[in-house]
Amino acid sequence: QVQLVESGGGLVQAGGSLRLSCTASGTTFSINAMGWYRQAPGKQREFVAQINNRDSTTYADSVKGRFTISRDNAKNTEYLQMNSLKPEDTAAYYCNVRVGLWDREYWGQGTQVTVSS
């Protein structure tokens, strides 16, 4: 099945920046959309951003103006540029990809982002 490899998480001070990446491999299906979700301790997993195969983007209100999602179609890779990070952004970030005619969904293992105040 599809394998997702994430990278880019780490520890950063408030106001700093990080860039996450996620590369999909191991599938013959076309990618319909890629996105990011996050989950903080004691919180439910929440949507962060998504980009579809028409390069249309969607963002959670909490990250609009600070985060930018993009993709490299040739590499089956998505990126999440995170600027002006806040302590409330601290969470495990999970890559998500939907593939094929049935929008089969796959998840990465998560990468930790910690923002100190």
C-alpha atoms as a PDB file:
ATOM      1  CA  GLN A   1       0.000   0.000   0.000  1.00  0.00           C
ATOM      2  CA  VAL A   2       0.917   3.656   0.067  1.00  0.00           C
ATOM      3  CA  GLN A   3       3.847   4.642   2.245  1.00  0.00           C
ATOM      4  CA  LEU A   4       4.149   8.163   3.617  1.00  0.00           C
ATOM      5  CA  VAL A   5       7.438   9.513   4.917  1.00  0.00           C
ATOM      6  CA  GLU A   6       7.298  12.701   6.972  1.00  0.00           C
ATOM      7  CA  SER A   7      10.073  15.005   8.082  1.00  0.00           C
ATOM      8  CA  GLY A   8      10.708  18.532   9.306  1.00  0.00           C
ATOM      9  CA  GLY A   9       9.327  18.548  12.820  1.00  0.00           C
ATOM     10  CA  GLY A  10      11.265  19.909  15.743  1.00  0.00           C
ATOM     11  CA  LEU A  11      11.501  22.417  18.559  1.00  0.00           C
ATOM     12  CA  VAL A  12      11.194  26.110  17.794  1.00  0.00           C
ATOM     13  CA  GLN A  13      10.557  29.315  19.717  1.00  0.00           C
ATOM     14  CA  ALA A  14       7.337  31.239  19.306  1.00  0.00           C
ATOM     15  CA  GLY A  15       7.523  33.353  16.174  1.00  0.00           C
ATOM     16  CA  GLY A  16       9.833  30.931  14.439  1.00  0.00           C
ATOM     17  CA  SER A  17       9.313  28.791  11.358  1.00  0.00           C
ATOM     18  CA  LEU A  18       9.413  25.163  10.307  1.00  0.00           C
ATOM     19  CA  ARG A  19       8.747  23.358   7.051  1.00  0.00           C
ATOM     20  CA  LEU A  20       7.229  19.895   7.058  1.00  0.00           C
ATOM     21  CA  SER A  21       7.413  17.534   4.119  1.00  0.00           C
ATOM     22  CA  CYS A  22       5.638  14.311   3.243  1.00  0.00           C
ATOM     23  CA  THR A  23       6.462  11.991   0.355  1.00  0.00           C
ATOM     24  CA  ALA A  24       4.106   9.274  -0.878  1.00  0.00           C
ATOM     25  CA  SER A  25       5.373   6.122  -2.542  1.00  0.00           C
ATOM     26  CA  GLY A  26       4.375   2.537  -3.230  1.00  0.00           C
ATOM     27  CA  THR A  27       1.131   3.213  -5.098  1.00  0.00           C
ATOM     28  CA  THR A  28       0.033   3.056  -8.729  1.00  0.00           C
ATOM     29  CA  PHE A  29      -2.986   5.263  -8.037  1.00  0.00           C
ATOM     30  CA  SER A  30      -3.020   8.950  -8.751  1.00  0.00           C
ATOM     31  CA  ILE A  31      -3.072  11.286  -5.775  1.00  0.00           C
ATOM     32  CA  ASN A  32      -6.305  13.247  -5.492  1.00  0.00           C
ATOM     33  CA  ALA A  33      -5.391  15.331  -2.484  1.00  0.00           C
ATOM     34  CA  MET A  34      -2.765  15.676   0.202  1.00  0.00           C
ATOM     35  CA  GLY A  35      -3.089  17.393   3.525  1.00  0.00           C
ATOM     36  CA  TRP A  36      -2.042  17.841   7.105  1.00  0.00           C
ATOM     37  CA  TYR A  37      -3.782  17.186  10.395  1.00  0.00           C
ATOM     38  CA  ARG A  38      -2.514  17.704  13.918  1.00  0.00           C
ATOM     39  CA  GLN A  39      -3.257  16.374  17.363  1.00  0.00           C
ATOM     40  CA  ALA A  40      -2.163  17.893  20.657  1.00  0.00           C
ATOM     41  CA  PRO A  41      -2.219  15.989  23.959  1.00  0.00           C
ATOM     42  CA  GLY A  42      -5.738  15.855  25.319  1.00  0.00           C
ATOM     43  CA  LYS A  43      -7.187  17.204  22.076  1.00  0.00           C
ATOM     44  CA  GLN A  44      -8.896  15.554  19.136  1.00  0.00           C
ATOM     45  CA  ARG A  45      -7.168  15.426  15.786  1.00  0.00           C
ATOM     46  CA  GLU A  46      -7.944  18.517  13.762  1.00  0.00           C
ATOM     47  CA  PHE A  47      -7.654  19.542  10.157  1.00  0.00           C
ATOM     48  CA  VAL A  48      -4.837  21.944   9.295  1.00  0.00           C
ATOM     49  CA  ALA A  49      -4.514  22.258   5.514  1.00  0.00           C
ATOM     50  CA  GLN A  50      -5.175  20.446   2.254  1.00  0.00           C
ATOM     51  CA  ILE A  51      -4.220  20.761  -1.400  1.00  0.00           C
ATOM     52  CA  ASN A  52      -6.005  18.831  -4.143  1.00  0.00           C
ATOM     53  CA  ASN A  53      -4.961  17.732  -7.622  1.00  0.00           C
ATOM     54  CA  ARG A  54      -6.143  21.047  -9.055  1.00  0.00           C
ATOM     55  CA  ASP A  55      -3.880  22.922  -6.615  1.00  0.00           C
ATOM     56  CA  SER A  56      -6.859  24.262  -4.722  1.00  0.00           C
ATOM     57  CA  THR A  57      -5.966  24.841  -1.067  1.00  0.00           C
ATOM     58  CA  THR A  58      -7.968  24.854   2.134  1.00  0.00           C
ATOM     59  CA  TYR A  59      -6.824  25.992   5.581  1.00  0.00           C
ATOM     60  CA  ALA A  60      -8.116  25.866   9.096  1.00  0.00           C
ATOM     61  CA  ASP A  61      -8.976  29.326  10.377  1.00  0.00           C
ATOM     62  CA  SER A  62      -6.393  28.970  13.128  1.00  0.00           C
ATOM     63  CA  VAL A  63      -3.501  28.799  10.646  1.00  0.00           C
ATOM     64  CA  LYS A  64      -4.645  31.060   7.808  1.00  0.00           C
ATOM     65  CA  GLY A  65      -2.062  33.674   6.981  1.00  0.00           C
ATOM     66  CA  ARG A  66       0.678  31.772   8.780  1.00  0.00           C
ATOM     67  CA  PHE A  67       0.844  28.344   7.118  1.00  0.00           C
ATOM     68  CA  THR A  68       1.183  27.555   3.422  1.00  0.00           C
ATOM     69  CA  ILE A  69       0.632  24.138   1.854  1.00  0.00           C
ATOM     70  CA  SER A  70       2.169  23.209  -1.486  1.00  0.00           C
ATOM     71  CA  ARG A  71       2.987  20.112  -3.493  1.00  0.00           C
ATOM     72  CA  ASP A  72       5.485  18.801  -5.996  1.00  0.00           C
ATOM     73  CA  ASN A  73       3.433  16.516  -8.227  1.00  0.00           C
ATOM     74  CA  ALA A  74       6.440  14.912  -9.895  1.00  0.00           C
ATOM     75  CA  LYS A  75       7.791  13.842  -6.503  1.00  0.00           C
ATOM     76  CA  ASN A  76       4.422  13.032  -4.897  1.00  0.00           C
ATOM     77  CA  THR A  77       5.502  15.310  -2.080  1.00  0.00           C
ATOM     78  CA  GLU A  78       3.619  17.909  -0.081  1.00  0.00           C
ATOM     79  CA  TYR A  79       5.015  20.638   2.115  1.00  0.00           C
ATOM     80  CA  LEU A  80       3.682  22.700   4.967  1.00  0.00           C
ATOM     81  CA  GLN A  81       5.521  25.967   5.530  1.00  0.00           C
ATOM     82  CA  MET A  82       4.727  27.144   9.052  1.00  0.00           C
ATOM     83  CA  ASN A  83       5.573  30.730   9.966  1.00  0.00           C
ATOM     84  CA  SER A  84       4.865  32.837  13.044  1.00  0.00           C
ATOM     85  CA  LEU A  85       4.492  29.699  15.106  1.00  0.00           C
ATOM     86  CA  LYS A  86       2.598  29.888  18.381  1.00  0.00           C
ATOM     87  CA  PRO A  87       2.660  27.602  21.421  1.00  0.00           C
ATOM     88  CA  GLU A  88      -0.873  26.517  20.491  1.00  0.00           C
ATOM     89  CA  ASP A  89       0.584  25.006  17.305  1.00  0.00           C
ATOM     90  CA  THR A  90       2.376  22.404  19.405  1.00  0.00           C
ATOM     91  CA  ALA A  91       1.133  18.998  18.265  1.00  0.00           C
ATOM     92  CA  ALA A  92       1.943  15.862  16.361  1.00  0.00           C
ATOM     93  CA  TYR A  93       1.420  16.622  12.685  1.00  0.00           C
ATOM     94  CA  TYR A  94       0.164  13.871  10.402  1.00  0.00           C
ATOM     95  CA  CYS A  95       0.406  13.709   6.630  1.00  0.00           C
ATOM     96  CA  ASN A  96      -2.729  12.566   4.826  1.00  0.00           C
ATOM     97  CA  VAL A  97      -3.168  11.456   1.215  1.00  0.00           C
ATOM     98  CA  ARG A  98      -6.236  10.393  -0.775  1.00  0.00           C
ATOM     99  CA  VAL A  99      -5.705   8.321  -3.915  1.00  0.00           C
ATOM    100  CA  GLY A 100      -7.623   6.807  -6.793  1.00  0.00           C
ATOM    101  CA  LEU A 101     -11.231   6.851  -7.888  1.00  0.00           C
ATOM    102  CA  TRP A 102     -12.443   5.825  -4.425  1.00  0.00           C
ATOM    103  CA  ASP A 103     -10.407   8.381  -2.468  1.00  0.00           C
ATOM    104  CA  ARG A 104      -8.611   5.733  -0.468  1.00  0.00           C
ATOM    105  CA  GLU A 105      -6.999   7.405   2.518  1.00  0.00           C
ATOM    106  CA  TYR A 106      -3.544   6.880   3.989  1.00  0.00           C
ATOM    107  CA  TRP A 107      -1.704   8.448   6.916  1.00  0.00           C
ATOM    108  CA  GLY A 108       1.857   9.110   7.899  1.00  0.00           C
ATOM    109  CA  GLN A 109       3.218   8.237  11.311  1.00  0.00           C
ATOM    110  CA  GLY A 110       3.385  11.825  12.495  1.00  0.00           C
ATOM    111  CA  THR A 111       6.106  14.330  13.218  1.00  0.00           C
ATOM    112  CA  GLN A 112       6.268  16.330  16.438  1.00  0.00           C
ATOM    113  CA  VAL A 113       6.231  20.124  16.384  1.00  0.00           C
ATOM    114  CA  THR A 114       6.902  21.853  19.688  1.00  0.00           C
ATOM    115  CA  VAL A 115       6.712  25.637  20.021  1.00  0.00           C
ATOM    116  CA  SER A 116       8.094  27.182  23.194  1.00  0.00           C
ATOM    117  CA  SER A 117       6.922  30.491  24.614  1.00  0.00           C
END
